[in-house]
Amino acid sequence: MIARSRVPWAERLTFRPLSVLSMATVWVLLWGSVSPMVIVSGLLLGYVVGIVLPLPPVFWKGHLRPVGILRLIGHLVYDLAVSSIRVFLLAFHRKVDLRAGIVRIDLITDNDLYQVQVAEMISLVPGTVVVEVVRNPRRLYLHAIQLHGDDPIGRVQKMAVGVESRVVRAFGSRREIEDFNAALHHHPAPDALDLEVEP
């Protein structure tokens, strides 16, 4: 049995421009046409979907931190480049020894938004993909290839904690960053203390 949404009707009927515009943009892209009829139908569809299937509110107490965002983007571009080269070389290697596996990642932060951002950023990098997201306790399960060398699971866990660290430093409040730094010392990921602890 599907649970009914508990969002009051007065709140459901509220016009949410960002949500409606987002859905209308996706609608226009799916149709591949920017005609007035497609735009109007996309806006109407976005509004109706918001009424029938309301999304739960996302609570975010953080701030946009330009330096943190630049670091996050820079690391993502670097990870994309390095991982793409590794996967490319792996595709043309004569003898392939993937040693793939599922790695559990225990997250430090307890925030839906950060968990989704971390999962998306990890999945963007070739060679790793999030196969399961657990909300309580905050946990990700990653499928990773090339689990070679000394402590490959620890290496993947450290990479994921590094991504989480950059996400918190890009979008977190001062308090969230301080809590993250304090919790980092008690995190079960091997060598977690090797990560930078920044203000």
N, C-alpha and C. Protein backbone atom coordinates (compact mmCIF):
# COMPACT_ATOMS: atom_id res chain seq x y z
N MET A 1 0.84 -1.18 0.00
CA MET A 1 0.00 0.00 0.00
C MET A 1 0.88 1.24 0.00
N ILE A 2 0.57 2.21 -0.84
CA ILE A 2 1.36 3.43 -0.95
C ILE A 2 0.86 4.44 0.06
N ALA A 3 1.80 5.01 0.84
CA ALA A 3 1.42 6.02 1.84
C ALA A 3 1.05 7.32 1.14
N ARG A 4 -0.01 7.95 1.61
CA ARG A 4 -0.43 9.22 1.02
C ARG A 4 0.43 10.35 1.55
N SER A 5 0.62 11.35 0.71
CA SER A 5 1.40 12.51 1.12
C SER A 5 0.64 13.30 2.17
N ARG A 6 1.34 13.77 3.18
CA ARG A 6 0.71 14.52 4.25
C ARG A 6 0.85 16.03 4.06
N VAL A 7 1.21 16.47 2.86
CA VAL A 7 1.34 17.89 2.58
C VAL A 7 -0.06 18.49 2.46
N PRO A 8 -0.38 19.55 3.25
CA PRO A 8 -1.71 20.16 3.19
C PRO A 8 -2.00 20.72 1.80
N TRP A 9 -3.31 20.72 1.44
CA TRP A 9 -3.69 21.18 0.09
C TRP A 9 -3.34 22.64 -0.13
N ALA A 10 -3.46 23.47 0.90
CA ALA A 10 -3.12 24.90 0.73
C ALA A 10 -1.65 25.05 0.34
N GLU A 11 -0.81 24.22 0.93
CA GLU A 11 0.62 24.26 0.60
C GLU A 11 0.88 23.65 -0.77
N ARG A 12 0.11 22.63 -1.13
CA ARG A 12 0.28 22.01 -2.45
C ARG A 12 -0.02 22.99 -3.58
N LEU A 13 -1.02 23.85 -3.38
CA LEU A 13 -1.44 24.78 -4.43
C LEU A 13 -0.51 25.98 -4.56
N THR A 14 0.43 26.14 -3.64
CA THR A 14 1.38 27.24 -3.71
C THR A 14 2.23 27.11 -4.96
N PHE A 15 2.39 28.22 -5.67
CA PHE A 15 3.20 28.21 -6.90
C PHE A 15 4.67 28.27 -6.51
N ARG A 16 5.44 27.28 -6.94
CA ARG A 16 6.88 27.22 -6.67
C ARG A 16 7.61 27.42 -7.99
N PRO A 17 8.03 28.66 -8.26
CA PRO A 17 8.59 28.97 -9.59
C PRO A 17 9.80 28.13 -9.97
N LEU A 18 10.72 27.91 -9.04
CA LEU A 18 11.94 27.16 -9.37
C LEU A 18 11.60 25.72 -9.76
N SER A 19 10.70 25.10 -9.00
CA SER A 19 10.31 23.73 -9.30
C SER A 19 9.59 23.63 -10.64
N VAL A 20 8.65 24.56 -10.88
CA VAL A 20 7.87 24.55 -12.13
C VAL A 20 8.78 24.81 -13.32
N LEU A 21 9.69 25.79 -13.19
CA LEU A 21 10.61 26.10 -14.29
C LEU A 21 11.56 24.93 -14.57
N SER A 22 12.01 24.26 -13.51
CA SER A 22 12.89 23.10 -13.70
C SER A 22 12.19 22.01 -14.50
N MET A 23 10.95 21.70 -14.11
CA MET A 23 10.21 20.65 -14.82
C MET A 23 9.86 21.07 -16.24
N ALA A 24 9.54 22.36 -16.42
CA ALA A 24 9.23 22.87 -17.76
C ALA A 24 10.46 22.79 -18.66
N THR A 25 11.64 23.08 -18.10
CA THR A 25 12.88 23.00 -18.87
C THR A 25 13.14 21.57 -19.33
N VAL A 26 12.96 20.62 -18.41
CA VAL A 26 13.13 19.21 -18.78
C VAL A 26 12.13 18.82 -19.86
N TRP A 27 10.89 19.29 -19.75
CA TRP A 27 9.85 19.00 -20.73
C TRP A 27 10.25 19.52 -22.11
N VAL A 28 10.74 20.76 -22.16
CA VAL A 28 11.16 21.36 -23.44
C VAL A 28 12.33 20.57 -24.03
N LEU A 29 13.28 20.18 -23.17
CA LEU A 29 14.43 19.40 -23.66
C LEU A 29 13.98 18.04 -24.19
N LEU A 30 13.02 17.42 -23.52
CA LEU A 30 12.53 16.12 -23.99
C LEU A 30 11.84 16.24 -25.35
N TRP A 31 11.10 17.31 -25.55
CA TRP A 31 10.41 17.51 -26.82
C TRP A 31 11.38 17.98 -27.90
N GLY A 32 12.47 18.63 -27.52
CA GLY A 32 13.43 19.13 -28.51
C GLY A 32 12.89 20.29 -29.31
N SER A 33 11.94 21.01 -28.74
CA SER A 33 11.31 22.13 -29.44
C SER A 33 11.04 23.26 -28.44
N VAL A 34 11.23 24.50 -28.90
CA VAL A 34 11.01 25.65 -28.03
C VAL A 34 9.77 26.42 -28.49
N SER A 35 8.78 25.71 -28.98
CA SER A 35 7.56 26.37 -29.45
C SER A 35 6.72 26.83 -28.25
N PRO A 36 5.89 27.86 -28.44
CA PRO A 36 5.06 28.35 -27.33
C PRO A 36 4.18 27.26 -26.72
N MET A 37 3.64 26.38 -27.55
CA MET A 37 2.77 25.30 -27.05
C MET A 37 3.54 24.37 -26.11
N VAL A 38 4.77 24.02 -26.48
CA VAL A 38 5.58 23.12 -25.64
C VAL A 38 5.94 23.81 -24.33
N ILE A 39 6.28 25.10 -24.39
CA ILE A 39 6.65 25.84 -23.17
C ILE A 39 5.46 25.95 -22.23
N VAL A 40 4.30 26.34 -22.75
CA VAL A 40 3.10 26.49 -21.92
C VAL A 40 2.68 25.14 -21.33
N SER A 41 2.70 24.09 -22.15
CA SER A 41 2.33 22.77 -21.64
C SER A 41 3.33 22.30 -20.58
N GLY A 42 4.61 22.64 -20.75
CA GLY A 42 5.62 22.28 -19.75
C GLY A 42 5.39 22.99 -18.42
N LEU A 43 5.03 24.29 -18.49
CA LEU A 43 4.74 25.05 -17.27
C LEU A 43 3.50 24.50 -16.56
N LEU A 44 2.45 24.21 -17.34
CA LEU A 44 1.23 23.64 -16.74
C LEU A 44 1.50 22.27 -16.13
N LEU A 45 2.23 21.45 -16.86
CA LEU A 45 2.56 20.11 -16.36
C LEU A 45 3.39 20.20 -15.08
N GLY A 46 4.37 21.12 -15.07
CA GLY A 46 5.19 21.30 -13.87
C GLY A 46 4.36 21.70 -12.67
N TYR A 47 3.38 22.59 -12.87
CA TYR A 47 2.51 23.02 -11.77
C TYR A 47 1.62 21.87 -11.30
N VAL A 48 1.03 21.13 -12.24
CA VAL A 48 0.15 20.01 -11.88
C VAL A 48 0.94 18.91 -11.15
N VAL A 49 2.13 18.60 -11.63
CA VAL A 49 2.96 17.58 -10.97
C VAL A 49 3.27 18.03 -9.54
N GLY A 50 3.55 19.33 -9.34
CA GLY A 50 3.81 19.85 -8.00
C GLY A 50 2.62 19.71 -7.07
N ILE A 51 1.41 19.76 -7.62
CA ILE A 51 0.20 19.61 -6.81
C ILE A 51 -0.07 18.14 -6.50
N VAL A 52 0.01 17.30 -7.52
CA VAL A 52 -0.32 15.88 -7.36
C VAL A 52 0.77 15.12 -6.61
N LEU A 53 2.03 15.40 -6.93
CA LEU A 53 3.16 14.70 -6.31
C LEU A 53 4.10 15.71 -5.66
N PRO A 54 3.69 16.31 -4.55
CA PRO A 54 4.54 17.34 -3.93
C PRO A 54 5.82 16.74 -3.35
N LEU A 55 6.91 17.44 -3.53
CA LEU A 55 8.19 17.00 -2.98
C LEU A 55 8.30 17.47 -1.53
N PRO A 56 8.93 16.68 -0.69
CA PRO A 56 9.12 17.14 0.70
C PRO A 56 10.09 18.32 0.71
N PRO A 57 9.96 19.20 1.69
CA PRO A 57 10.87 20.34 1.75
C PRO A 57 12.29 19.89 2.06
N VAL A 58 13.26 20.60 1.50
CA VAL A 58 14.67 20.33 1.77
C VAL A 58 15.18 21.44 2.68
N PHE A 59 15.65 21.07 3.86
CA PHE A 59 16.15 22.05 4.81
C PHE A 59 17.66 22.18 4.65
N TRP A 60 18.10 23.39 4.41
CA TRP A 60 19.53 23.64 4.21
C TRP A 60 19.92 24.86 5.02
N LYS A 61 20.85 24.68 5.94
CA LYS A 61 21.28 25.77 6.80
C LYS A 61 22.63 26.32 6.36
N GLY A 62 23.15 25.82 5.26
CA GLY A 62 24.49 26.19 4.83
C GLY A 62 24.56 27.50 4.07
N HIS A 63 25.72 27.72 3.47
CA HIS A 63 26.00 28.92 2.68
C HIS A 63 26.75 28.51 1.43
N LEU A 64 26.60 29.30 0.39
CA LEU A 64 27.42 29.09 -0.81
C LEU A 64 28.79 29.70 -0.54
N ARG A 65 29.82 28.89 -0.61
CA ARG A 65 31.19 29.35 -0.34
C ARG A 65 31.97 29.26 -1.65
N PRO A 66 32.24 30.43 -2.27
CA PRO A 66 32.87 30.45 -3.60
C PRO A 66 34.19 29.68 -3.68
N VAL A 67 35.06 29.83 -2.68
CA VAL A 67 36.35 29.13 -2.71
C VAL A 67 36.11 27.62 -2.62
N GLY A 68 35.21 27.21 -1.73
CA GLY A 68 34.90 25.79 -1.60
C GLY A 68 34.28 25.21 -2.86
N ILE A 69 33.42 26.00 -3.52
CA ILE A 69 32.79 25.54 -4.77
C ILE A 69 33.84 25.38 -5.86
N LEU A 70 34.78 26.34 -5.94
CA LEU A 70 35.86 26.23 -6.94
C LEU A 70 36.72 25.00 -6.68
N ARG A 71 37.03 24.73 -5.41
CA ARG A 71 37.81 23.52 -5.08
C ARG A 71 37.04 22.26 -5.46
N LEU A 72 35.75 22.26 -5.16
CA LEU A 72 34.90 21.11 -5.49
C LEU A 72 34.90 20.85 -6.99
N ILE A 73 34.71 21.90 -7.77
CA ILE A 73 34.69 21.76 -9.24
C ILE A 73 36.07 21.35 -9.75
N GLY A 74 37.12 21.97 -9.20
CA GLY A 74 38.49 21.63 -9.62
C GLY A 74 38.82 20.17 -9.37
N HIS A 75 38.47 19.67 -8.18
CA HIS A 75 38.72 18.26 -7.86
C HIS A 75 37.89 17.34 -8.74
N LEU A 76 36.64 17.75 -9.03
CA LEU A 76 35.79 16.93 -9.89
C LEU A 76 36.38 16.82 -11.29
N VAL A 77 36.84 17.94 -11.84
CA VAL A 77 37.45 17.92 -13.18
C VAL A 77 38.70 17.05 -13.17
N TYR A 78 39.53 17.19 -12.13
CA TYR A 78 40.75 16.37 -12.02
C TYR A 78 40.39 14.88 -11.93
N ASP A 79 39.43 14.55 -11.05
CA ASP A 79 39.01 13.14 -10.90
C ASP A 79 38.44 12.58 -12.20
N LEU A 80 37.65 13.40 -12.90
CA LEU A 80 37.10 12.97 -14.19
C LEU A 80 38.21 12.66 -15.19
N ALA A 81 39.21 13.55 -15.25
CA ALA A 81 40.30 13.36 -16.21
C ALA A 81 41.11 12.11 -15.88
N VAL A 82 41.54 11.99 -14.63
CA VAL A 82 42.38 10.86 -14.23
C VAL A 82 41.62 9.54 -14.37
N SER A 83 40.38 9.50 -13.90
CA SER A 83 39.61 8.26 -13.97
C SER A 83 39.27 7.88 -15.40
N SER A 84 38.99 8.88 -16.24
CA SER A 84 38.70 8.59 -17.65
C SER A 84 39.90 7.96 -18.33
N ILE A 85 41.09 8.47 -18.03
CA ILE A 85 42.32 7.91 -18.61
C ILE A 85 42.51 6.47 -18.12
N ARG A 86 42.29 6.24 -16.82
CA ARG A 86 42.45 4.88 -16.27
C ARG A 86 41.48 3.90 -16.93
N VAL A 87 40.21 4.31 -17.06
CA VAL A 87 39.22 3.42 -17.68
C VAL A 87 39.53 3.21 -19.15
N PHE A 88 40.00 4.26 -19.83
CA PHE A 88 40.39 4.15 -21.24
C PHE A 88 41.53 3.14 -21.40
N LEU A 89 42.57 3.26 -20.57
CA LEU A 89 43.70 2.33 -20.64
C LEU A 89 43.26 0.91 -20.29
N LEU A 90 42.34 0.80 -19.34
CA LEU A 90 41.83 -0.51 -18.95
C LEU A 90 41.09 -1.18 -20.10
N ALA A 91 40.37 -0.38 -20.88
CA ALA A 91 39.60 -0.91 -22.01
C ALA A 91 40.50 -1.51 -23.09
N PHE A 92 41.72 -0.97 -23.22
CA PHE A 92 42.63 -1.44 -24.27
C PHE A 92 43.75 -2.31 -23.74
N HIS A 93 43.72 -2.65 -22.48
CA HIS A 93 44.75 -3.50 -21.90
C HIS A 93 44.49 -4.94 -22.32
N ARG A 94 45.55 -5.68 -22.65
CA ARG A 94 45.38 -7.05 -23.14
C ARG A 94 44.86 -7.98 -22.07
N LYS A 95 45.43 -7.87 -20.88
CA LYS A 95 45.01 -8.76 -19.80
C LYS A 95 44.29 -7.91 -18.75
N VAL A 96 42.99 -8.11 -18.64
CA VAL A 96 42.19 -7.29 -17.73
C VAL A 96 41.95 -8.04 -16.43
N ASP A 97 42.34 -7.41 -15.33
CA ASP A 97 42.10 -7.96 -13.99
C ASP A 97 41.35 -6.88 -13.21
N LEU A 98 40.02 -6.88 -13.34
CA LEU A 98 39.24 -5.78 -12.78
C LEU A 98 39.25 -5.72 -11.26
N ARG A 99 39.10 -6.84 -10.63
CA ARG A 99 38.97 -6.88 -9.17
C ARG A 99 37.94 -5.86 -8.69
N ALA A 100 36.76 -5.94 -9.23
CA ALA A 100 35.68 -5.01 -8.85
C ALA A 100 35.02 -5.49 -7.57
N GLY A 101 34.37 -4.58 -6.88
CA GLY A 101 33.67 -4.95 -5.66
C GLY A 101 32.77 -3.83 -5.16
N ILE A 102 32.00 -4.16 -4.15
CA ILE A 102 31.11 -3.20 -3.50
C ILE A 102 31.79 -2.73 -2.22
N VAL A 103 31.85 -1.41 -2.05
CA VAL A 103 32.51 -0.82 -0.88
C VAL A 103 31.49 0.00 -0.10
N ARG A 104 31.44 -0.22 1.21
CA ARG A 104 30.52 0.54 2.06
C ARG A 104 31.20 1.83 2.52
N ILE A 105 30.46 2.93 2.40
CA ILE A 105 30.97 4.23 2.82
C ILE A 105 30.05 4.77 3.91
N ASP A 106 30.59 4.97 5.11
CA ASP A 106 29.84 5.60 6.20
C ASP A 106 30.07 7.10 6.13
N LEU A 107 29.00 7.84 5.92
CA LEU A 107 29.12 9.29 5.79
C LEU A 107 29.18 9.95 7.17
N ILE A 108 29.81 11.10 7.21
CA ILE A 108 29.96 11.84 8.46
C ILE A 108 28.77 12.76 8.69
N THR A 109 28.33 13.44 7.64
CA THR A 109 27.24 14.40 7.76
C THR A 109 25.90 13.68 7.80
N ASP A 110 24.93 14.31 8.44
CA ASP A 110 23.58 13.76 8.51
C ASP A 110 22.63 14.74 7.82
N ASN A 111 22.72 14.80 6.49
CA ASN A 111 21.96 15.77 5.72
C ASN A 111 21.61 15.14 4.37
N ASP A 112 20.32 15.16 4.03
CA ASP A 112 19.87 14.57 2.76
C ASP A 112 20.56 15.21 1.56
N LEU A 113 20.64 16.53 1.58
CA LEU A 113 21.20 17.26 0.45
C LEU A 113 22.66 16.90 0.22
N TYR A 114 23.44 16.87 1.29
CA TYR A 114 24.86 16.53 1.15
C TYR A 114 25.04 15.08 0.72
N GLN A 115 24.19 14.19 1.24
CA GLN A 115 24.30 12.78 0.86
C GLN A 115 24.06 12.61 -0.64
N VAL A 116 23.05 13.30 -1.16
CA VAL A 116 22.76 13.21 -2.59
C VAL A 116 23.90 13.82 -3.41
N GLN A 117 24.43 14.96 -2.95
CA GLN A 117 25.53 15.59 -3.69
C GLN A 117 26.76 14.69 -3.73
N VAL A 118 27.09 14.08 -2.60
CA VAL A 118 28.24 13.17 -2.55
C VAL A 118 28.01 11.98 -3.48
N ALA A 119 26.81 11.40 -3.43
CA ALA A 119 26.50 10.25 -4.30
C ALA A 119 26.60 10.62 -5.77
N GLU A 120 26.08 11.79 -6.13
CA GLU A 120 26.13 12.23 -7.54
C GLU A 120 27.56 12.47 -7.99
N MET A 121 28.36 13.12 -7.15
CA MET A 121 29.74 13.43 -7.55
C MET A 121 30.57 12.16 -7.69
N ILE A 122 30.34 11.20 -6.82
CA ILE A 122 31.08 9.94 -6.92
C ILE A 122 30.65 9.18 -8.17
N SER A 123 29.35 9.19 -8.48
CA SER A 123 28.85 8.46 -9.65
C SER A 123 29.29 9.10 -10.96
N LEU A 124 29.60 10.39 -10.95
CA LEU A 124 30.06 11.06 -12.16
C LEU A 124 31.45 10.59 -12.59
N VAL A 125 32.24 10.13 -11.62
CA VAL A 125 33.62 9.74 -11.90
C VAL A 125 33.63 8.32 -12.48
N PRO A 126 34.21 8.13 -13.66
CA PRO A 126 34.28 6.78 -14.25
C PRO A 126 35.01 5.80 -13.33
N GLY A 127 34.48 4.60 -13.24
CA GLY A 127 35.11 3.58 -12.41
C GLY A 127 34.43 3.38 -11.07
N THR A 128 33.59 4.33 -10.67
CA THR A 128 32.83 4.18 -9.43
C THR A 128 31.38 4.58 -9.69
N VAL A 129 30.46 3.86 -9.08
CA VAL A 129 29.05 4.22 -9.19
C VAL A 129 28.36 3.83 -7.89
N VAL A 130 27.49 4.70 -7.41
CA VAL A 130 26.73 4.42 -6.19
C VAL A 130 25.59 3.48 -6.55
N VAL A 131 25.53 2.33 -5.88
CA VAL A 131 24.49 1.34 -6.18
C VAL A 131 23.39 1.33 -5.12
N GLU A 132 23.66 1.89 -3.95
CA GLU A 132 22.63 1.96 -2.91
C GLU A 132 22.91 3.13 -1.99
N VAL A 133 21.83 3.80 -1.60
CA VAL A 133 21.91 4.93 -0.66
C VAL A 133 21.05 4.57 0.54
N VAL A 134 21.64 4.61 1.73
CA VAL A 134 20.92 4.31 2.97
C VAL A 134 20.83 5.60 3.78
N ARG A 135 19.62 5.90 4.22
CA ARG A 135 19.42 7.17 4.93
C ARG A 135 19.74 7.06 6.41
N ASN A 136 19.40 5.93 7.02
CA ASN A 136 19.64 5.81 8.46
C ASN A 136 20.23 4.43 8.75
N PRO A 137 21.50 4.32 9.08
CA PRO A 137 22.50 5.37 9.19
C PRO A 137 22.94 5.86 7.81
N ARG A 138 23.50 7.07 7.75
CA ARG A 138 23.93 7.65 6.47
C ARG A 138 25.05 6.79 5.89
N ARG A 139 24.74 6.21 4.75
CA ARG A 139 25.68 5.24 4.19
C ARG A 139 25.48 5.16 2.68
N LEU A 140 26.58 4.94 1.96
CA LEU A 140 26.54 4.69 0.52
C LEU A 140 27.22 3.36 0.25
N TYR A 141 26.74 2.66 -0.76
CA TYR A 141 27.43 1.46 -1.24
C TYR A 141 27.87 1.75 -2.67
N LEU A 142 29.18 1.65 -2.90
CA LEU A 142 29.75 1.96 -4.22
C LEU A 142 30.22 0.69 -4.90
N HIS A 143 30.03 0.65 -6.20
CA HIS A 143 30.68 -0.38 -7.01
C HIS A 143 31.94 0.27 -7.57
N ALA A 144 33.07 -0.32 -7.27
CA ALA A 144 34.35 0.24 -7.73
C ALA A 144 35.12 -0.83 -8.50
N ILE A 145 35.81 -0.38 -9.55
CA ILE A 145 36.68 -1.30 -10.29
C ILE A 145 38.12 -1.04 -9.88
N GLN A 146 38.98 -1.97 -10.19
CA GLN A 146 40.41 -1.88 -9.90
C GLN A 146 40.69 -1.73 -8.41
N LEU A 147 40.20 -2.68 -7.64
CA LEU A 147 40.51 -2.71 -6.21
C LEU A 147 41.82 -3.47 -6.03
N HIS A 148 42.91 -2.83 -6.46
CA HIS A 148 44.24 -3.43 -6.40
C HIS A 148 45.10 -2.71 -5.37
N GLY A 149 46.25 -3.28 -5.09
CA GLY A 149 47.25 -2.61 -4.26
C GLY A 149 46.97 -2.78 -2.78
N ASP A 150 47.71 -1.98 -2.00
CA ASP A 150 47.57 -2.02 -0.55
C ASP A 150 46.29 -1.30 -0.12
N ASP A 151 45.45 -1.98 0.61
CA ASP A 151 44.22 -1.43 1.18
C ASP A 151 43.36 -0.68 0.16
N PRO A 152 42.90 -1.37 -0.90
CA PRO A 152 42.09 -0.69 -1.92
C PRO A 152 40.75 -0.18 -1.39
N ILE A 153 40.17 -0.91 -0.43
CA ILE A 153 38.89 -0.48 0.14
C ILE A 153 39.09 0.81 0.93
N GLY A 154 40.16 0.86 1.69
CA GLY A 154 40.48 2.09 2.43
C GLY A 154 40.71 3.27 1.50
N ARG A 155 41.30 3.00 0.34
CA ARG A 155 41.55 4.07 -0.64
C ARG A 155 40.23 4.63 -1.18
N VAL A 156 39.28 3.73 -1.48
CA VAL A 156 37.97 4.17 -1.98
C VAL A 156 37.21 4.92 -0.89
N GLN A 157 37.27 4.41 0.36
CA GLN A 157 36.61 5.10 1.46
C GLN A 157 37.19 6.49 1.68
N LYS A 158 38.51 6.58 1.59
CA LYS A 158 39.17 7.88 1.77
C LYS A 158 38.76 8.84 0.65
N MET A 159 38.64 8.34 -0.58
CA MET A 159 38.21 9.17 -1.70
C MET A 159 36.80 9.71 -1.45
N ALA A 160 35.90 8.84 -0.95
CA ALA A 160 34.52 9.26 -0.70
C ALA A 160 34.43 10.28 0.43
N VAL A 161 35.21 10.07 1.49
CA VAL A 161 35.23 11.04 2.59
C VAL A 161 35.81 12.37 2.10
N GLY A 162 36.78 12.31 1.18
CA GLY A 162 37.32 13.54 0.59
C GLY A 162 36.26 14.29 -0.20
N VAL A 163 35.43 13.57 -0.95
CA VAL A 163 34.34 14.21 -1.70
C VAL A 163 33.35 14.84 -0.73
N GLU A 164 33.01 14.10 0.33
CA GLU A 164 32.08 14.64 1.33
C GLU A 164 32.66 15.89 1.98
N SER A 165 33.95 15.86 2.27
CA SER A 165 34.62 17.02 2.86
C SER A 165 34.51 18.24 1.96
N ARG A 166 34.75 18.06 0.67
CA ARG A 166 34.68 19.19 -0.27
C ARG A 166 33.25 19.69 -0.43
N VAL A 167 32.27 18.80 -0.39
CA VAL A 167 30.86 19.21 -0.49
C VAL A 167 30.49 20.06 0.73
N VAL A 168 30.87 19.61 1.93
CA VAL A 168 30.56 20.36 3.15
C VAL A 168 31.25 21.72 3.13
N ARG A 169 32.50 21.76 2.67
CA ARG A 169 33.25 23.03 2.63
C ARG A 169 32.74 23.97 1.54
N ALA A 170 32.01 23.44 0.57
CA ALA A 170 31.45 24.28 -0.50
C ALA A 170 30.06 24.81 -0.14
N PHE A 171 29.29 24.03 0.63
CA PHE A 171 27.89 24.41 0.87
C PHE A 171 27.49 24.45 2.34
N GLY A 172 28.38 24.07 3.24
CA GLY A 172 28.01 23.97 4.65
C GLY A 172 28.09 25.28 5.41
N SER A 173 27.40 25.32 6.54
CA SER A 173 27.51 26.46 7.45
C SER A 173 28.81 26.31 8.24
N ARG A 174 29.19 27.37 8.93
CA ARG A 174 30.41 27.30 9.75
C ARG A 174 30.29 26.18 10.78
N ARG A 175 29.12 26.06 11.38
CA ARG A 175 28.90 25.03 12.39
C ARG A 175 29.02 23.62 11.78
N GLU A 176 28.46 23.43 10.58
CA GLU A 176 28.54 22.12 9.92
C GLU A 176 29.99 21.77 9.60
N ILE A 177 30.77 22.76 9.18
CA ILE A 177 32.18 22.51 8.87
C ILE A 177 32.94 22.15 10.15
N GLU A 178 32.67 22.87 11.24
CA GLU A 178 33.33 22.56 12.52
C GLU A 178 32.95 21.16 13.00
N ASP A 179 31.67 20.83 12.91
CA ASP A 179 31.22 19.49 13.32
C ASP A 179 31.85 18.40 12.44
N PHE A 180 31.97 18.70 11.14
CA PHE A 180 32.59 17.74 10.23
C PHE A 180 34.05 17.50 10.61
N ASN A 181 34.78 18.59 10.88
CA ASN A 181 36.19 18.46 11.27
C ASN A 181 36.34 17.64 12.55
N ALA A 182 35.45 17.89 13.52
CA ALA A 182 35.52 17.15 14.79
C ALA A 182 35.19 15.67 14.57
N ALA A 183 34.17 15.39 13.76
CA ALA A 183 33.76 14.00 13.52
C ALA A 183 34.76 13.25 12.65
N LEU A 184 35.54 13.96 11.87
CA LEU A 184 36.51 13.33 10.97
C LEU A 184 37.53 12.51 11.75
N HIS A 185 37.86 12.96 12.96
CA HIS A 185 38.85 12.25 13.77
C HIS A 185 38.34 10.92 14.30
N HIS A 186 37.02 10.74 14.34
CA HIS A 186 36.44 9.50 14.86
C HIS A 186 35.85 8.64 13.75
N HIS A 187 36.09 9.03 12.50
CA HIS A 187 35.49 8.31 11.37
C HIS A 187 36.19 6.97 11.17
N PRO A 188 35.41 5.92 10.84
CA PRO A 188 36.01 4.59 10.68
C PRO A 188 36.83 4.41 9.41
N ALA A 189 36.76 5.37 8.47
CA ALA A 189 37.52 5.20 7.22
C ALA A 189 39.01 5.22 7.54
N PRO A 190 39.78 4.28 7.01
CA PRO A 190 41.21 4.26 7.26
C PRO A 190 41.87 5.53 6.77
N ASP A 191 42.85 5.98 7.53
CA ASP A 191 43.63 7.17 7.18
C ASP A 191 42.76 8.41 7.01
N ALA A 192 41.63 8.46 7.69
CA ALA A 192 40.75 9.63 7.56
C ALA A 192 41.47 10.88 8.04
N LEU A 193 42.39 10.71 8.98
CA LEU A 193 43.09 11.87 9.51
C LEU A 193 44.05 12.49 8.50
N ASP A 194 44.34 11.78 7.41
CA ASP A 194 45.21 12.35 6.38
C ASP A 194 44.51 13.44 5.58
N LEU A 195 43.18 13.52 5.69
CA LEU A 195 42.45 14.55 4.97
C LEU A 195 42.73 15.90 5.59
N GLU A 196 42.66 16.93 4.76
CA GLU A 196 42.88 18.27 5.25
C GLU A 196 41.75 18.68 6.16
N VAL A 197 42.09 19.22 7.32
CA VAL A 197 41.10 19.81 8.22
C VAL A 197 41.26 21.30 8.10
N GLU A 198 40.30 21.94 7.45
CA GLU A 198 40.39 23.36 7.17
C GLU A 198 39.32 24.10 7.95
N PRO A 199 39.52 25.40 8.17
CA PRO A 199 38.49 26.19 8.84
C PRO A 199 37.30 26.42 7.94
